[in-house]
Amino acid sequence: MTILTQILSTSELEFPPRLLHFTVALSSAYVVFWIFRAFYRLTFHPLASFPGPKFAGASFWWLYQNEKDGHLEENLKALHQKYDTHILRIGPNELHIDDASVYDEIYSQKYRFMKDPDFYASFNAPNTIFSEGMPDPHRELRKIISPFFSKQRIVAVEPTIYAKVNLMFNKIREFKDQGAIHMYNAIRCLTVDFISEYSFGQSFSLLEDAKDLEFHPGILFAFDMSTEVVTTFRYFPILRQFSNLMPLSLMAFLSQKITKVKELKMALADAMSSFDKARADGQKFEHLPLFDPLSHMSKEYIEAESIDIMVAGSDTTATSLGYLVNAVLRNPDILQKLRAELDAGLPDKDANWPLLELEKFEYLTACIKETLRCAMPVPGRLPRVVPMPQPGTPPFIVDGKVIPPGSTVGISAQSVHHSESIWGLDSQVFKPERWLGPDSKQLEKFLVTFGKGGRQCLGINLAYAELRIAAAKLFRCLDMSLDSSMTKKDLNQLDHFASAYEGTGVRVFIRGERP
């Protein structure tokens, strides 16, 4: 022990003075660099004159803190009002715009506002149809995938949609005496089961495996995390790289959220392997799986594209339908009108009504459009980079200010959908009647739930089909009432790129079946 004490007390084990000096100097240099960079950003940067919080202009940390809590758009709306401006500086090189009149200019292919590479890299899914920033590769991918989401194709797979909706309906019947049905989760199981079968030729069978009224298989948590970790990856890209390299066992020790995302990737890889084997064995599929024409692509691409399609094709629609159920049941007049239309047009409640017939139901369609306006699946901004103006064309101007080329800009669906100048003073109110008036066609161009132009979400026809069929089935066949024990937190929607409920989402009691 005496020898050990002598060894530990020797000067060789003391912190070397040169290393200490170097560490202090390096730390001081970084602090000085950070101060001078912040000073430049606030004083000489091309966006220095634009209004907004000083901390936002000096550092990305302000944006990260506001994004991670899921309430960024609400905070930005308050800041637009505080600074009395349509254009707000929210990052060192980023502006947030709430002027719907320039939406088409930013998001139209015509004007070549390219996707912000840093934002889309955070999804850890390079070169997918969602994240691909270059027009030509994106166009080629769209040619391959878009036929699977055409109106004609969706009508062709209508029986598969009904099979999943009817399975959900039967499960709700099975569990209805247990208490309040977790309707949001039930709908999520429905949409995951459909998009998995549509993509890989086999369903994840979440509805079949549901054991109780909560409808909560563990994989749904992985879907939640796949969008929630995006914010962390965006502002700490080194974590994104580590997550790709680390084994699952080590990642499980460091981050449960990222671990769940990796587990989801593994589940999708297994689904693709099963599809490849089934195809090699000559198995016949009810319809051509979406990933069949993509099977020649790299393993990395398939993995990335499968996550994009699974999340975009499931949780987004589920969030909307969950909102619709809650909104209609909270408004007796709306519920009565919807039931009256469905009862008159669908006398046989046990039939699988043709989708083309459901499209003719004006009030059902109005409820769906109003849902998509109020409960955007992707409520936040989709950043674009301002291009250099072409010869003979004016610069990009908002609020009388020229936006410097190279700046990142974005308009959120939430800003457009809640603009009082477009929708009136009741823009926050769920009001299907606004889609039945003489101005309804004019309002269509301001419904940007799925984006616009060449970058519009491919799943628009599928989303409308699922919403029409599921909503018609639920409100025509079931007598539902809201669970009065739901809290504000249960129904509070968070923006983690895709909308998610802070709590359980809508819960309903099934009082019986309607005649």
Foldseek 3Di string as FASTA:
>chain_A
DVVVVVVCPDPVPPDDPVVVVVVVVVVVVVVVVLVVQLVCLCPPQPCNPFAEDSVQLSAVVQVLVLALVQCNVVVVVVVCVVVVFQWYRRHVFEIEGLDLVCQCCCFAVVNLQWFDLLLLVLLVQPLALQSDGDVPSNVVNCVQQLVCLDLVNLLVCLVVLVVLLVLLVVLCVVAQVVDWALQLLSQLQSQLQSLLCQAQVGGPCLSVPDDHRLSDDPLVLLLVLSLSCSSVCSVPVVVVVCLVVDDLVVVVVVDVSSSSPVVNLVVQLVSNVVSVVCVVVVHDGPDDHSCPVVVVPDPSNSSSNVSVSSSVRGNLLSQLLLVLVVQCQVDVVLLVVVQVLLCVQPVPLPDQDRLVSLVPRLSLVLSSLLSCLQAQQQFDWRKTFQADDDPPDDADDGPNDGRDGRGIYTYGSNSLQQDCVQVNPVSNHRDSCVCVDPCNVVCVVSSQSQHDYPSGNSNPSVSVSSSSRSVSSDSNWFDKHWDPPDDPQQCDWGRSSGIDGSRSGTIIRTPDTDD
